Amino acid sequence: MSRPATSATSTALTPRAVWSRARGALLLVALVLIGGTVLALARSTGDHGALDPRSADPHGSRAVAELLEDHGVTLTLATTLDEATSATSPGSTLLVTTPDLLTEPQQSTLHGLLTEATGRTVLVGAGTASLPALAPNVSTAVSAPVRDLAPVCSLPAAVRAGSADLGGERYRVAPGTLADSCYPSDGLPTLVRLPGTGTSDTVLLGSPDILRNDRLDQRGNASLALQLLGSRPHLVWYLPSLSDPSAAVSSDGDATDDVLSLVPSGWFWATLQLAVAALLAAVWRGRRLGPLVTERLPVVLRASEATEGRARLYRRTNARDRAAAVLRTATRTRLAALLGVPARDAHSSERLLPALSARLPGTTADPGGLLFGPAPTDDTALVRLADRLDALEREVRTS
């Protein structure tokens, strides 16, 4: 009686399988394209960042820049330290919007410029990251909210401006240091003027709010901003950024790729705490809830369905080595029972192969490579291995 014809096993991917594998990559590409388009549209609108003299946004500074130009002040915008140092001339004003963003080499270069300058330098929101290098005799305290503050000092610019929206960084001036301390918040000033050599001076401004478009018309903000930035005929408006090439130069003059050096130390501690918390959560969620309990399956699956499902899992993960090992192990177990080899020796080539050769003395196949050989390299080879194992087992049964 002839055997019923069996359908050949197909290794070709169905359209549904192709879509299932490719949809993640396609979704990622689509998100990248959408994000790039959004960024391009955002840049094309002409908007700029906070304290940018070109920005008309509420946090921008276009209004104060136009007022300064109306009063005859020439404004030069600098986005790199080299541009700022080359544009700063004797008798000009240098405004640094975020000095804490400067690296140590940049701060050292800027400190040298301040030492030789004969004009004014305004540092906005200078904190613990920049004060030791740019204003060694001043330190910071706990920041305060921005609110309406009175000058409470004799600095002419502050007296003429009157109350203004200040706060943010609060400063402590070292004893014996000559300074004008204005706009105190809880006893500590939020604006400090440090006289330098000759006509030069350095102004520490605790908060940038008096320079913002949405606050310029309130209280004495405009008057104070114009007097601090417009005391000289030329103003260099410096916007530090991490894209500045000088930010990637170490203190010994060599280029460095250590981006982590720009991350504040507090972030490392926060990351460590999050890692510990994640580890504890994993231990908590991974604990055993008790011994395993066997129970009857609600649905009985046919053996063929379970085998096919397991095969699909192997195929999805490209686990040809594992699939081949399962096929060979099952075949060796059945052959051992047919050849009279003990079950404990079914997977020993020294015991199984001699018994197989004795049963099939005239076979031309290589049973050793078939039962104990290397894993197949592709799906076609795996299918061929399964067919050859099945043929070998049938030959032993009929011999």
Protein backbone atom coordinates (compact mmCIF):
# COMPACT_ATOMS: atom_id res chain seq x y z
CA MET A 1 0.00 0.00 0.00
CA SER A 2 1.51 3.32 -1.02
CA ARG A 3 1.92 6.15 1.47
CA PRO A 4 -0.30 9.23 1.05
CA ALA A 5 1.52 12.14 -0.53
CA THR A 6 2.54 14.80 1.92
CA SER A 7 2.78 18.45 1.04
CA ALA A 8 6.30 19.88 0.92
CA THR A 9 7.27 22.10 3.76
CA SER A 10 7.49 25.74 2.58
CA THR A 11 10.17 28.10 3.86
CA ALA A 12 8.99 31.17 1.91
CA LEU A 13 7.72 34.11 3.98
CA THR A 14 4.10 35.01 3.52
CA PRO A 15 3.13 38.65 2.90
CA ARG A 16 1.70 38.80 6.39
CA ALA A 17 4.97 37.55 7.90
CA VAL A 18 6.95 40.09 5.86
CA TRP A 19 4.70 42.90 7.09
CA SER A 20 4.95 41.65 10.69
CA ARG A 21 8.74 41.77 10.54
CA ALA A 22 9.08 45.04 8.65
CA ARG A 23 6.42 47.18 10.31
CA GLY A 24 8.63 48.10 13.28
CA ALA A 25 11.42 49.40 11.04
CA LEU A 26 8.94 51.22 8.80
CA LEU A 27 7.33 52.86 11.82
CA LEU A 28 10.74 54.02 13.07
CA VAL A 29 11.62 55.47 9.65
CA ALA A 30 8.26 57.24 9.50
CA LEU A 31 8.79 58.76 12.95
CA VAL A 32 12.25 60.00 11.96
CA LEU A 33 10.89 61.58 8.78
CA ILE A 34 8.00 63.21 10.63
CA GLY A 35 10.33 64.51 13.34
CA GLY A 36 12.74 65.91 10.75
CA THR A 37 9.89 67.62 8.93
CA VAL A 38 8.56 69.17 12.13
CA LEU A 39 12.03 70.43 13.10
CA ALA A 40 12.56 71.86 9.63
CA LEU A 41 9.23 73.67 9.75
CA ALA A 42 9.98 74.95 13.24
CA ARG A 43 13.34 76.31 12.11
CA SER A 44 11.87 77.88 9.00
CA THR A 45 9.54 80.08 11.05
CA GLY A 46 12.43 82.24 12.22
CA ASP A 47 11.90 81.53 15.91
CA HIS A 48 14.91 81.55 18.19
CA GLY A 49 15.71 80.57 21.75
CA ALA A 50 15.35 82.33 25.07
CA LEU A 51 17.21 85.66 25.47
CA ASP A 52 17.93 85.70 21.75
CA PRO A 53 17.92 89.31 20.47
CA ARG A 54 16.33 88.06 17.23
CA SER A 55 13.40 86.36 18.96
CA ALA A 56 9.99 87.98 19.33
CA ASP A 57 8.76 85.15 21.59
CA PRO A 58 7.79 85.99 25.20
CA HIS A 59 11.15 84.65 26.46
CA GLY A 60 13.11 86.31 23.66
CA SER A 61 14.91 89.67 23.84
CA ARG A 62 14.14 91.37 20.55
CA ALA A 63 12.40 94.28 22.26
CA VAL A 64 15.37 95.29 24.41
CA ALA A 65 17.71 94.84 21.43
CA GLU A 66 15.65 97.25 19.33
CA LEU A 67 15.51 99.78 22.19
CA LEU A 68 19.29 99.64 22.52
CA GLU A 69 19.72 100.20 18.78
CA ASP A 70 17.28 103.14 18.96
CA HIS A 71 19.56 104.67 21.61
CA GLY A 72 22.59 104.36 19.33
CA VAL A 73 24.07 101.13 20.70
CA THR A 74 25.60 98.84 18.09
CA LEU A 75 24.74 95.21 18.78
CA THR A 76 26.84 92.24 17.66
CA LEU A 77 25.44 88.74 18.11
CA ALA A 78 27.96 85.98 18.93
CA THR A 79 27.15 82.28 19.16
CA THR A 80 30.71 81.02 19.76
CA LEU A 81 33.43 82.07 22.16
CA ASP A 82 35.76 82.97 19.30
CA GLU A 83 33.14 85.32 17.85
CA ALA A 84 32.58 86.92 21.26
CA THR A 85 36.28 87.48 21.99
CA SER A 86 37.02 88.85 18.52
CA ALA A 87 34.01 91.21 18.61
CA THR A 88 34.74 92.55 22.11
CA SER A 89 36.81 95.70 21.94
CA PRO A 90 38.04 98.10 24.63
CA GLY A 91 35.14 100.10 25.99
CA SER A 92 32.41 97.69 24.86
CA THR A 93 29.85 95.69 26.84
CA LEU A 94 29.87 91.89 26.78
CA LEU A 95 26.61 90.15 27.74
CA VAL A 96 26.88 86.39 28.52
CA THR A 97 23.37 84.95 28.69
CA THR A 98 24.17 81.53 30.24
CA PRO A 99 27.70 81.48 31.69
CA ASP A 100 27.07 78.17 33.50
CA LEU A 101 26.94 76.50 30.08
CA LEU A 102 30.60 77.31 29.45
CA THR A 103 33.21 74.60 29.96
CA GLU A 104 36.26 75.16 32.18
CA PRO A 105 38.57 76.00 29.23
CA GLN A 106 35.98 78.47 27.92
CA GLN A 107 35.64 80.07 31.35
CA SER A 108 39.41 80.38 31.60
CA THR A 109 39.53 82.12 28.22
CA LEU A 110 36.69 84.43 29.18
CA HIS A 111 38.32 85.25 32.54
CA GLY A 112 41.47 86.31 30.71
CA LEU A 113 39.36 88.58 28.50
CA LEU A 114 37.68 90.12 31.57
CA THR A 115 41.03 90.78 33.20
CA GLU A 116 42.25 92.76 30.20
CA ALA A 117 38.92 94.40 29.35
CA THR A 118 38.20 98.09 29.93
CA GLY A 119 34.45 97.78 29.39
CA ARG A 120 31.57 96.06 31.15
CA THR A 121 30.69 92.38 31.39
CA VAL A 122 27.16 91.28 32.33
CA LEU A 123 26.74 87.67 33.47
CA VAL A 124 23.12 86.49 33.55
CA GLY A 125 22.24 83.75 36.06
CA ALA A 126 25.86 82.88 36.91
CA GLY A 127 25.88 80.04 39.45
CA THR A 128 28.25 77.61 41.09
CA ALA A 129 29.44 76.27 37.73
CA SER A 130 30.90 79.60 36.54
CA LEU A 131 31.39 81.95 39.52
CA PRO A 132 34.65 80.39 40.81
CA ALA A 133 36.31 81.20 37.47
CA LEU A 134 34.55 84.42 36.46
CA ALA A 135 33.90 86.05 39.87
CA PRO A 136 36.10 84.33 42.48
CA ASN A 137 35.07 86.60 45.35
CA VAL A 138 31.35 85.84 44.95
CA SER A 139 29.41 82.69 45.78
CA THR A 140 25.75 81.73 45.44
CA ALA A 141 23.02 80.81 47.90
CA VAL A 142 19.66 79.12 47.47
CA SER A 143 17.84 80.73 44.56
CA ALA A 144 14.74 82.86 45.12
CA PRO A 145 11.59 83.34 43.02
CA VAL A 146 11.50 86.30 40.66
CA ARG A 147 9.35 89.10 42.03
CA ASP A 148 9.14 92.86 42.36
CA LEU A 149 12.19 93.99 44.38
CA ALA A 150 13.42 97.41 45.44
CA PRO A 151 17.05 98.38 44.68
CA VAL A 152 18.13 99.17 48.31
CA CYS A 153 21.57 100.32 47.10
CA SER A 154 23.35 103.40 45.81
CA LEU A 155 24.14 102.12 42.31
CA PRO A 156 22.96 104.97 40.02
CA ALA A 157 21.44 102.64 37.43
CA ALA A 158 19.40 100.84 40.09
CA VAL A 159 18.32 104.06 41.80
CA ARG A 160 17.06 105.56 38.53
CA ALA A 161 15.28 102.33 37.49
CA GLY A 162 13.57 101.76 40.85
CA SER A 163 11.83 98.45 41.52
CA ALA A 164 12.34 95.65 38.99
CA ASP A 165 11.58 91.97 38.48
CA LEU A 166 14.61 90.25 39.94
CA GLY A 167 15.38 87.11 41.88
CA GLY A 168 16.84 83.82 40.74
CA GLU A 169 20.46 83.48 41.86
CA ARG A 170 21.32 85.18 45.16
CA TYR A 171 24.91 86.14 45.79
CA ARG A 172 27.28 86.31 48.76
CA VAL A 173 30.16 88.75 48.36
CA ALA A 174 33.34 87.87 50.23
CA PRO A 175 34.16 90.28 53.11
CA GLY A 176 36.45 93.10 52.05
CA THR A 177 35.39 92.93 48.39
CA LEU A 178 34.35 96.24 46.88
CA ALA A 179 30.91 95.74 45.30
CA ASP A 180 27.50 97.28 44.81
CA SER A 181 24.86 94.85 46.12
CA CYS A 182 21.33 95.61 44.94
CA TYR A 183 17.82 94.20 44.88
CA PRO A 184 18.15 91.96 47.95
CA SER A 185 15.87 88.96 48.37
CA ASP A 186 15.72 87.61 51.94
CA GLY A 187 18.86 89.56 52.79
CA LEU A 188 21.04 88.56 49.83
CA PRO A 189 21.45 90.63 46.64
CA THR A 190 20.30 89.43 43.24
CA LEU A 191 22.31 92.07 41.36
CA VAL A 192 25.98 92.70 42.12
CA ARG A 193 28.37 95.09 40.42
CA LEU A 194 32.09 94.35 40.86
CA PRO A 195 34.40 97.25 39.85
CA GLY A 196 37.47 96.20 37.87
CA THR A 197 40.60 97.97 36.75
CA GLY A 198 40.03 101.43 35.35
CA THR A 199 36.54 101.84 33.94
CA SER A 200 35.82 98.13 33.65
CA ASP A 201 33.29 96.32 35.82
CA THR A 202 31.39 93.03 36.03
CA VAL A 203 27.65 92.86 36.69
CA LEU A 204 26.07 89.69 38.06
CA LEU A 205 22.37 89.52 37.23
CA GLY A 206 20.56 86.78 39.15
CA SER A 207 17.64 86.47 36.75
CA PRO A 208 17.17 87.20 33.02
CA ASP A 209 13.55 88.35 33.39
CA ILE A 210 14.26 92.07 32.89
CA LEU A 211 15.56 91.24 29.41
CA ARG A 212 12.53 89.23 28.29
CA ASN A 213 9.97 90.60 25.85
CA ASP A 214 6.99 89.84 28.09
CA ARG A 215 8.45 91.65 31.13
CA LEU A 216 10.27 94.59 29.59
CA ASP A 217 7.33 96.97 29.97
CA GLN A 218 6.76 96.18 33.65
CA ARG A 219 8.06 98.32 36.55
CA GLY A 220 11.63 99.55 35.97
CA ASN A 221 12.77 96.55 33.92
CA ALA A 222 13.36 98.47 30.68
CA SER A 223 15.23 101.28 32.42
CA LEU A 224 17.49 98.89 34.30
CA ALA A 225 18.18 96.77 31.19
CA LEU A 226 19.02 99.82 29.05
CA GLN A 227 21.37 101.23 31.67
CA LEU A 228 23.18 97.94 32.28
CA LEU A 229 23.59 97.07 28.59
CA GLY A 230 23.67 100.52 27.00
CA SER A 231 26.37 102.23 29.06
CA ARG A 232 28.86 101.65 26.22
CA PRO A 233 28.34 102.32 22.49
CA HIS A 234 28.96 98.68 21.49
CA LEU A 235 27.26 95.57 22.90
CA VAL A 236 28.37 92.00 22.21
CA TRP A 237 25.45 89.65 22.88
CA TYR A 238 26.97 86.19 23.51
CA LEU A 239 24.71 83.11 23.42
CA PRO A 240 26.78 80.11 24.61
CA SER A 241 25.88 76.69 23.23
CA LEU A 242 27.19 73.13 23.36
CA SER A 243 27.70 73.22 19.57
CA ASP A 244 30.54 75.72 20.04
CA PRO A 245 33.77 74.05 18.78
CA SER A 246 35.69 75.54 21.71
CA ALA A 247 33.49 73.52 24.09
CA ALA A 248 35.22 70.33 22.83
CA VAL A 249 38.75 71.49 23.75
CA SER A 250 40.28 70.30 27.01
CA SER A 251 42.27 72.45 29.42
CA ASP A 252 45.58 71.21 27.92
CA GLY A 253 44.51 72.26 24.45
CA ASP A 254 43.65 68.80 23.10
CA ALA A 255 40.30 67.96 21.57
CA THR A 256 38.10 65.77 23.68
CA ASP A 257 34.97 63.76 22.94
CA ASP A 258 33.99 63.34 26.60
CA VAL A 259 30.44 64.66 26.48
CA LEU A 260 29.81 63.26 29.97
CA SER A 261 32.10 65.91 31.40
CA LEU A 262 29.40 68.46 30.55
CA VAL A 263 26.77 66.64 32.61
CA PRO A 264 26.37 67.97 36.18
CA SER A 265 27.40 65.53 38.90
CA GLY A 266 23.88 65.46 40.33
CA TRP A 267 22.63 63.66 37.21
CA PHE A 268 25.05 60.78 37.79
CA TRP A 269 23.74 60.29 41.33
CA ALA A 270 20.17 60.46 40.07
CA THR A 271 20.95 57.86 37.39
CA LEU A 272 22.56 55.60 40.00
CA GLN A 273 19.52 55.89 42.26
CA LEU A 274 17.20 55.07 39.35
CA ALA A 275 19.35 52.04 38.47
CA VAL A 276 19.19 50.77 42.07
CA ALA A 277 15.43 51.33 42.15
CA ALA A 278 15.02 49.43 38.85
CA LEU A 279 17.14 46.56 40.21
CA LEU A 280 15.07 46.35 43.39
CA ALA A 281 11.86 46.45 41.36
CA ALA A 282 13.15 43.62 39.16
CA VAL A 283 14.01 41.53 42.22
CA TRP A 284 10.60 42.25 43.73
CA ARG A 285 8.68 41.40 40.57
CA GLY A 286 10.85 38.39 39.81
CA ARG A 287 10.39 36.59 43.14
CA ARG A 288 8.65 33.23 43.19
CA LEU A 289 5.08 33.38 44.38
CA GLY A 290 5.04 29.74 45.51
CA PRO A 291 5.45 26.19 44.15
CA LEU A 292 4.23 25.39 40.67
CA VAL A 293 0.74 23.89 40.53
CA THR A 294 -0.31 21.57 37.73
CA GLU A 295 -3.80 21.89 36.35
CA ARG A 296 -5.80 20.49 33.50
CA LEU A 297 -5.71 22.47 30.31
CA PRO A 298 -9.05 24.09 29.45
CA VAL A 299 -8.55 23.11 25.80
CA VAL A 300 -6.84 20.00 24.46
CA LEU A 301 -4.51 20.74 21.56
CA ARG A 302 -3.65 18.24 18.89
CA ALA A 303 0.00 17.18 18.84
CA SER A 304 0.37 18.46 15.28
CA GLU A 305 -0.79 21.94 16.27
CA ALA A 306 1.61 22.10 19.22
CA THR A 307 4.47 20.89 16.99
CA GLU A 308 3.64 23.45 14.31
CA GLY A 309 3.41 26.26 16.86
CA ARG A 310 6.77 25.33 18.34
CA ALA A 311 8.30 25.20 14.87
CA ARG A 312 6.99 28.68 14.09
CA LEU A 313 8.58 30.02 17.25
CA TYR A 314 11.92 28.49 16.24
CA ARG A 315 11.55 30.00 12.76
CA ARG A 316 10.72 33.47 14.07
CA THR A 317 13.93 33.53 16.17
CA ASN A 318 16.03 31.79 13.46
CA ALA A 319 16.84 29.08 16.01
CA ARG A 320 17.86 26.47 13.42
CA ASP A 321 20.46 25.02 15.78
CA ARG A 322 17.86 24.46 18.49
CA ALA A 323 15.34 23.00 16.03
CA ALA A 324 17.96 20.62 14.58
CA ALA A 325 18.97 19.54 18.08
CA VAL A 326 15.34 18.74 18.95
CA LEU A 327 14.88 16.71 15.75
CA ARG A 328 18.11 14.75 16.26
CA THR A 329 17.41 14.11 19.94
CA ALA A 330 13.95 12.70 19.20
CA THR A 331 15.29 10.54 16.35
CA ARG A 332 18.15 9.15 18.46
CA THR A 333 15.71 8.30 21.27
CA ARG A 334 13.44 6.35 18.93
CA LEU A 335 16.34 4.64 17.15
CA ALA A 336 17.82 3.50 20.46
CA ALA A 337 14.57 1.78 21.34
CA LEU A 338 14.49 0.06 17.90
CA LEU A 339 18.16 -0.99 18.07
CA GLY A 340 18.03 -2.26 21.65
CA VAL A 341 20.39 0.42 22.98
CA PRO A 342 19.66 1.50 26.58
CA ALA A 343 17.90 4.88 26.83
CA ARG A 344 20.79 6.34 28.81
CA ASP A 345 23.14 5.63 25.87
CA ALA A 346 20.79 6.90 23.17
CA HIS A 347 22.78 10.10 22.73
CA SER A 348 26.23 8.53 22.85
CA SER A 349 27.77 8.17 19.43
CA GLU A 350 30.08 5.37 20.68
CA ARG A 351 27.08 3.17 21.59
CA LEU A 352 24.41 4.21 19.09
CA LEU A 353 26.40 4.32 15.81
CA PRO A 354 27.88 0.79 16.05
CA ALA A 355 24.40 -0.64 16.69
CA LEU A 356 23.03 1.34 13.76
CA SER A 357 25.82 0.13 11.42
CA ALA A 358 25.12 -3.46 12.50
CA ARG A 359 21.43 -3.06 11.60
CA LEU A 360 22.13 -1.29 8.29
CA PRO A 361 25.46 -2.68 7.09
CA GLY A 362 25.02 -1.69 3.46
CA THR A 363 23.80 1.89 3.88
CA THR A 364 25.64 4.61 1.97
CA ALA A 365 24.43 7.42 4.22
CA ASP A 366 26.58 9.00 6.90
CA PRO A 367 24.61 8.30 10.09
CA GLY A 368 27.23 9.98 12.26
CA GLY A 369 26.96 13.32 10.48
CA LEU A 370 23.21 12.95 10.25
CA LEU A 371 22.63 12.24 13.94
CA PHE A 372 25.53 14.18 15.53
CA GLY A 373 26.60 16.65 12.85
CA PRO A 374 26.68 20.47 12.85
CA ALA A 375 23.60 22.67 12.77
CA PRO A 376 22.16 23.53 9.34
CA THR A 377 23.05 26.92 7.89
CA ASP A 378 19.66 27.81 6.40
CA ASP A 379 16.01 26.80 6.40
CA THR A 380 16.39 24.62 3.30
CA ALA A 381 19.15 22.61 4.95
CA LEU A 382 16.99 22.23 8.07
CA VAL A 383 14.10 20.82 6.00
CA ARG A 384 16.51 18.46 4.23
CA LEU A 385 17.84 17.29 7.61
CA ALA A 386 14.31 16.54 8.84
CA ASP A 387 13.56 14.50 5.69
CA ARG A 388 16.80 12.52 5.98
CA LEU A 389 16.19 11.76 9.67
CA ASP A 390 12.70 10.56 8.84
CA ALA A 391 14.04 8.38 6.03
CA LEU A 392 16.70 6.88 8.30
CA GLU A 393 14.14 6.02 10.95
CA ARG A 394 11.86 4.36 8.36
CA GLU A 395 14.77 2.36 7.02
CA VAL A 396 15.59 1.05 10.50
CA ARG A 397 11.97 0.15 11.14
CA THR A 398 11.66 -1.83 7.92
CA SER A 399 15.03 -3.55 8.19
